[in-house]
């Protein structure tokens, strides 16, 4: 919102109170009254507050707060199977439904591994700089409390081993997927995707587990799902090259996807979450999720 050419506020919480979202009731009222503006005539109470991200006089029938560690693993494995790069980009996501003006303190067991941290404006910087503790008055609802990066990880949860040979106008491909380091939780939504090289006319690919689909744009997707316990998933097949092309000179890069519920592969752990200024003890829940980000295996 602009006041005399200067931004008055950019807080989404205040803007939602000042500018009502369009709905059927507002449209009917605008037709009846002739007033097409959905702007409030009064400023919200939080405009002049020291915590403008939070509404004043919030009341909830049940006080609860949920904290999620959501991480994405970026990795690059070269054609020799060597892990060139592996890092994690993570977020601390909070869903808060607390009455009044609560004051929260969140601490971690191992903050020394964190790099490139960024905070929501509600976080007080001094407690973090001195003791690596997140002290904050939370917004109401869901928000991103903090983002971070963890560099130079040494291992990945799964391996993808491609083997490609090419001669006499054809190309034979073999792909194995398995668990490298067991995270202690089930690995779900495993998939491998790659683009067929431009000199490939057709492809015949099969797998002993999961499904293989080849789209019209020559994108091949192998959907494995949950890792089986009784076999190692493999995909094999033949690529037919264009006439006059004896061997393949450009090899595909395999993009890997997966999801692991209940564990943060970075090793980051929440130690405790404390509350102040609350009449009753709220319910608190913690979850963790790790999924693949830009996970590349080169061949």
Protein backbone atom coordinates (compact mmCIF):
# COMPACT_ATOMS: atom_id res chain seq x y z
CA UNK A 1 0.00 0.00 0.00
CA UNK A 2 1.28 3.48 -0.94
CA UNK A 3 0.99 6.54 1.32
CA UNK A 4 1.86 9.83 -0.43
CA UNK A 5 4.10 7.92 -2.84
CA UNK A 6 5.86 5.89 -0.14
CA UNK A 7 5.16 2.27 0.85
CA UNK A 8 3.06 2.24 4.02
CA UNK A 9 3.24 -1.50 4.56
CA UNK A 10 4.18 -4.65 2.70
CA UNK A 11 3.05 -7.10 5.37
CA UNK A 12 0.67 -9.67 3.81
CA UNK A 13 -1.21 -9.96 7.11
CA UNK A 14 -2.10 -6.24 7.13
CA UNK A 15 -2.78 -6.10 3.39
CA UNK A 16 -5.29 -8.95 3.67
CA UNK A 17 -7.19 -6.98 6.33
CA UNK A 18 -7.09 -3.73 4.35
CA UNK A 19 -7.96 -5.18 0.94
CA UNK A 20 -10.70 -7.78 1.07
CA UNK A 21 -10.34 -10.63 -1.44
CA UNK A 22 -13.11 -10.76 -4.07
CA UNK A 23 -16.03 -13.09 -3.40
CA UNK A 24 -19.71 -13.45 -4.30
CA UNK A 25 -20.92 -11.37 -1.33
CA UNK A 26 -18.65 -8.44 -2.18
CA UNK A 27 -19.77 -8.54 -5.81
CA UNK A 28 -23.45 -8.45 -4.81
CA UNK A 29 -22.84 -5.56 -2.39
CA UNK A 30 -20.94 -3.59 -5.03
CA UNK A 31 -23.91 -3.93 -7.40
CA UNK A 32 -26.44 -2.91 -4.71
CA UNK A 33 -24.47 -0.04 -3.18
CA UNK A 34 -22.54 1.06 -6.25
CA UNK A 35 -19.30 0.96 -4.27
CA UNK A 36 -16.77 -1.07 -6.24
CA UNK A 37 -13.88 -0.53 -3.84
CA UNK A 38 -12.84 -3.44 -1.64
CA UNK A 39 -10.50 -1.24 0.41
CA UNK A 40 -11.16 -0.87 4.14
CA UNK A 41 -11.81 2.67 5.44
CA UNK A 42 -9.82 2.07 8.63
CA UNK A 43 -6.29 0.85 9.20
CA UNK A 44 -5.92 -2.56 10.87
CA UNK A 45 -4.85 -2.55 14.49
CA UNK A 46 -1.54 -4.24 13.65
CA UNK A 47 -0.41 -1.34 11.44
CA UNK A 48 1.13 0.56 14.34
CA UNK A 49 2.17 -2.55 16.25
CA UNK A 50 5.75 -3.63 16.89
CA UNK A 51 4.73 -7.01 15.44
CA UNK A 52 2.88 -5.96 12.26
CA UNK A 53 2.96 -9.52 10.88
CA UNK A 54 0.46 -10.62 13.53
CA UNK A 55 -3.19 -9.67 13.98
CA UNK A 56 -4.25 -8.16 17.29
CA UNK A 57 -6.55 -9.99 19.74
CA UNK A 58 -6.24 -13.39 18.08
CA UNK A 59 -8.26 -16.15 19.70
CA UNK A 60 -8.26 -19.87 18.91
CA UNK A 61 -10.38 -22.56 20.51
CA UNK A 62 -7.39 -24.93 20.46
CA UNK A 63 -3.82 -23.67 20.63
CA UNK A 64 -1.43 -25.64 18.46
CA UNK A 65 1.77 -25.18 16.48
CA UNK A 66 3.48 -27.47 13.97
CA UNK A 67 7.10 -27.24 12.85
CA UNK A 68 8.29 -28.94 9.65
CA UNK A 69 11.84 -29.42 8.42
CA UNK A 70 11.61 -29.57 4.62
CA UNK A 71 14.84 -30.32 2.77
CA UNK A 72 15.84 -30.74 -0.87
CA UNK A 73 19.01 -32.59 -1.82
CA UNK A 74 20.99 -31.31 -4.81
CA UNK A 75 23.61 -33.74 -6.07
CA UNK A 76 25.79 -34.29 -9.11
CA UNK A 77 27.37 -37.67 -9.88
CA UNK A 78 29.80 -37.83 -12.80
CA UNK A 79 30.04 -40.62 -15.38
CA UNK A 80 32.57 -42.48 -13.22
CA UNK A 81 30.10 -42.68 -10.34
CA UNK A 82 31.97 -40.10 -8.24
CA UNK A 83 29.92 -37.71 -6.12
CA UNK A 84 31.01 -34.29 -7.38
CA UNK A 85 28.58 -32.14 -5.40
CA UNK A 86 26.02 -32.82 -2.71
CA UNK A 87 24.26 -30.20 -0.63
CA UNK A 88 20.90 -29.59 0.97
CA UNK A 89 18.67 -26.53 0.81
CA UNK A 90 16.18 -26.58 3.66
CA UNK A 91 13.37 -24.63 5.25
CA UNK A 92 11.83 -24.50 8.70
CA UNK A 93 8.11 -24.15 8.04
CA UNK A 94 5.72 -23.30 10.87
CA UNK A 95 1.94 -23.55 11.06
CA UNK A 96 0.84 -21.59 14.12
CA UNK A 97 -2.62 -21.25 15.64
CA UNK A 98 -1.98 -19.57 18.98
CA UNK A 99 -4.10 -17.06 20.88
CA UNK A 100 -2.92 -13.69 22.13
CA UNK A 101 0.69 -12.60 21.68
CA UNK A 102 2.80 -15.74 22.23
CA UNK A 103 6.58 -15.68 22.44
CA UNK A 104 8.31 -18.80 21.09
CA UNK A 105 11.85 -20.11 21.39
CA UNK A 106 13.09 -22.82 19.03
CA UNK A 107 16.49 -24.45 19.42
CA UNK A 108 18.38 -27.05 17.37
CA UNK A 109 20.78 -29.78 18.44
CA UNK A 110 23.49 -29.06 15.85
CA UNK A 111 23.42 -25.56 14.35
CA UNK A 112 27.12 -25.68 13.41
CA UNK A 113 26.25 -27.42 10.12
CA UNK A 114 24.06 -24.54 8.89
CA UNK A 115 25.13 -22.10 6.17
CA UNK A 116 23.47 -19.15 4.40
CA UNK A 117 20.62 -18.82 6.91
CA UNK A 118 17.74 -16.44 6.20
CA UNK A 119 14.97 -15.52 8.62
CA UNK A 120 11.39 -14.31 8.64
CA UNK A 121 11.15 -10.71 9.94
CA UNK A 122 9.62 -12.02 13.18
CA UNK A 123 12.94 -13.61 14.25
CA UNK A 124 15.06 -11.65 16.73
CA UNK A 125 18.63 -11.63 15.45
CA UNK A 126 20.50 -11.16 18.73
CA UNK A 127 19.52 -14.52 20.35
CA UNK A 128 20.55 -16.30 17.15
CA UNK A 129 23.89 -14.51 16.90
CA UNK A 130 24.76 -15.21 20.53
CA UNK A 131 23.27 -18.67 21.18
CA UNK A 132 21.88 -19.94 17.82
CA UNK A 133 18.33 -19.83 19.21
CA UNK A 134 15.29 -18.72 17.23
CA UNK A 135 13.25 -16.32 19.36
CA UNK A 136 10.11 -14.93 17.72
CA UNK A 137 6.47 -13.89 17.92
CA UNK A 138 4.90 -15.96 15.13
CA UNK A 139 2.46 -14.80 12.47
CA UNK A 140 -0.88 -16.57 12.51
CA UNK A 141 -1.13 -19.50 10.12
CA UNK A 142 1.55 -21.00 7.90
CA UNK A 143 4.84 -19.24 7.18
CA UNK A 144 8.52 -19.92 6.46
CA UNK A 145 10.49 -19.23 9.63
CA UNK A 146 13.97 -19.88 8.28
CA UNK A 147 15.84 -21.18 5.25
CA UNK A 148 19.34 -22.65 5.23
CA UNK A 149 21.92 -24.53 3.20
CA UNK A 150 24.21 -27.40 4.19
CA UNK A 151 27.25 -27.98 1.99
CA UNK A 152 29.63 -30.80 1.15
CA UNK A 153 27.59 -33.83 2.17
CA UNK A 154 29.46 -37.09 1.63
CA UNK A 155 26.72 -39.50 0.57
CA UNK A 156 23.28 -39.88 -0.99
CA UNK A 157 20.46 -42.24 0.05
CA UNK A 158 20.17 -44.02 -3.31
CA UNK A 159 22.44 -44.84 -6.23
CA UNK A 160 21.71 -44.77 -9.96
CA UNK A 161 24.17 -46.67 -12.16
CA UNK A 162 23.79 -46.15 -15.92
CA UNK A 163 25.68 -48.22 -18.47
CA UNK A 164 25.49 -47.25 -22.14
CA UNK A 165 27.22 -48.88 -25.12
CA UNK A 166 26.80 -47.76 -28.72
CA UNK A 167 27.84 -49.23 -32.08
CA UNK A 168 26.45 -50.31 -35.47
CA UNK A 169 23.59 -47.80 -35.38
CA UNK A 170 22.12 -48.95 -32.07
CA UNK A 171 22.64 -48.07 -28.44
CA UNK A 172 22.13 -50.43 -25.51
CA UNK A 173 21.21 -48.93 -22.17
CA UNK A 174 21.10 -50.46 -18.70
CA UNK A 175 20.12 -48.66 -15.51
CA UNK A 176 20.24 -49.90 -11.91
CA UNK A 177 18.71 -48.16 -8.89
CA UNK A 178 19.27 -49.17 -5.28
CA UNK A 179 19.78 -47.97 -1.71
CA UNK A 180 23.27 -46.64 -0.97
CA UNK A 181 22.76 -45.45 2.62
CA UNK A 182 19.62 -46.58 4.41
CA UNK A 183 18.05 -43.49 6.05
CA UNK A 184 15.99 -45.64 8.41
CA UNK A 185 12.75 -44.54 6.75
CA UNK A 186 10.93 -45.66 3.63
CA UNK A 187 12.10 -44.05 0.38
CA UNK A 188 9.03 -43.21 -1.72
CA UNK A 189 8.23 -41.68 -5.11
CA UNK A 190 11.49 -42.82 -6.71
CA UNK A 191 11.66 -41.90 -10.38
CA UNK A 192 14.32 -41.44 -13.03
CA UNK A 193 13.85 -39.11 -15.98
CA UNK A 194 16.06 -38.43 -18.98
CA UNK A 195 15.88 -36.94 -22.45
CA UNK A 196 16.59 -39.22 -25.39
CA UNK A 197 19.48 -37.83 -27.48
CA UNK A 198 18.46 -35.95 -30.67
CA UNK A 199 19.91 -38.59 -33.06
CA UNK A 200 17.70 -41.35 -31.60
CA UNK A 201 14.80 -42.48 -33.83
CA UNK A 202 13.07 -44.88 -31.45
CA UNK A 203 13.51 -46.58 -28.10
CA UNK A 204 12.43 -49.92 -26.66
CA UNK A 205 12.80 -49.81 -22.87
CA UNK A 206 11.54 -52.25 -20.23
CA UNK A 207 11.98 -52.58 -16.48
CA UNK A 208 11.68 -55.38 -13.94
CA UNK A 209 9.90 -53.03 -11.53
CA UNK A 210 7.79 -49.92 -12.00
CA UNK A 211 6.61 -48.41 -15.29
CA UNK A 212 8.47 -46.80 -18.18
CA UNK A 213 6.86 -44.08 -20.30
CA UNK A 214 8.27 -42.29 -23.34
CA UNK A 215 6.55 -39.02 -24.21
CA UNK A 216 6.26 -37.43 -27.64
CA UNK A 217 9.02 -34.92 -26.80
CA UNK A 218 11.43 -37.86 -26.26
CA UNK A 219 11.35 -37.56 -22.48
CA UNK A 220 11.63 -40.95 -20.81
CA UNK A 221 10.29 -41.41 -17.27
CA UNK A 222 10.83 -44.52 -15.17
CA UNK A 223 8.49 -44.48 -12.16
CA UNK A 224 9.60 -46.90 -9.45
CA UNK A 225 7.65 -45.65 -6.45
CA UNK A 226 8.70 -47.38 -3.23
CA UNK A 227 11.97 -49.31 -3.26
CA UNK A 228 11.24 -53.07 -3.27
CA UNK A 229 12.92 -55.33 -0.72
CA UNK A 230 13.23 -58.47 -2.84
CA UNK A 231 14.92 -57.10 -5.98
CA UNK A 232 17.08 -54.34 -7.41
CA UNK A 233 15.07 -52.25 -9.89
CA UNK A 234 16.63 -52.25 -13.34
CA UNK A 235 15.72 -50.83 -16.73
CA UNK A 236 17.18 -52.12 -19.97
CA UNK A 237 16.55 -51.46 -23.62
CA UNK A 238 17.78 -50.49 -27.07
CA UNK A 239 17.89 -47.11 -28.79
CA UNK A 240 17.78 -47.06 -32.60
CA UNK A 241 19.88 -44.28 -34.13
CA UNK A 242 19.27 -42.32 -37.32
CA UNK A 243 20.46 -43.76 -40.63
CA UNK A 244 24.15 -43.10 -41.13
CA UNK A 245 24.85 -42.61 -37.42
CA UNK A 246 27.06 -45.45 -36.21
CA UNK A 247 27.39 -44.55 -32.55
CA UNK A 248 25.99 -42.14 -29.99
CA UNK A 249 28.23 -39.18 -29.17
CA UNK A 250 25.91 -37.30 -26.77
CA UNK A 251 24.85 -39.29 -23.72
CA UNK A 252 21.84 -38.44 -21.54
CA UNK A 253 21.85 -36.99 -18.04
CA UNK A 254 19.54 -38.78 -15.61
CA UNK A 255 17.41 -36.70 -13.24
CA UNK A 256 16.48 -38.59 -10.08
CA UNK A 257 13.53 -37.95 -7.79
CA UNK A 258 12.64 -39.38 -4.38
CA UNK A 259 10.90 -38.51 -1.12
CA UNK A 260 11.66 -39.59 2.45
CA UNK A 261 9.16 -38.78 5.19
CA UNK A 262 10.25 -38.55 8.81
CA UNK A 263 13.93 -37.73 8.40
CA UNK A 264 16.11 -34.72 7.57
CA UNK A 265 19.12 -36.13 5.72
CA UNK A 266 21.23 -33.10 6.64
CA UNK A 267 21.28 -34.28 10.25
CA UNK A 268 19.56 -31.14 11.53
CA UNK A 269 17.40 -31.90 14.58
CA UNK A 270 14.98 -29.81 16.61
CA UNK A 271 15.95 -29.89 20.27
CA UNK A 272 13.01 -28.10 21.90
CA UNK A 273 10.27 -25.54 21.43
CA UNK A 274 9.33 -23.35 24.40
CA UNK A 275 6.37 -20.98 24.86
CA UNK A 276 5.70 -17.80 26.81
CA UNK A 277 2.62 -15.60 27.25
CA UNK A 278 0.14 -18.44 26.78
CA UNK A 279 -2.55 -19.25 29.36
CA UNK A 280 -2.54 -22.98 28.57
CA UNK A 281 0.08 -25.37 27.26
CA UNK A 282 -0.44 -25.74 23.49
CA UNK A 283 -0.09 -28.86 21.39
CA UNK A 284 3.12 -28.97 19.34
CA UNK A 285 4.08 -31.31 16.53
CA UNK A 286 7.27 -31.88 14.55
CA UNK A 287 7.80 -33.45 11.14
CA UNK A 288 10.63 -33.83 8.65
CA UNK A 289 10.75 -34.40 4.90
CA UNK A 290 13.64 -34.83 2.49
CA UNK A 291 13.14 -34.90 -1.27
CA UNK A 292 15.35 -34.72 -4.32
CA UNK A 293 16.05 -31.31 -5.78
CA UNK A 294 18.47 -31.03 -8.71
CA UNK A 295 19.77 -34.59 -8.48
CA UNK A 296 21.79 -35.43 -11.63
CA UNK A 297 23.61 -38.58 -12.70
CA UNK A 298 25.74 -38.15 -15.81
CA UNK A 299 26.56 -40.95 -18.24
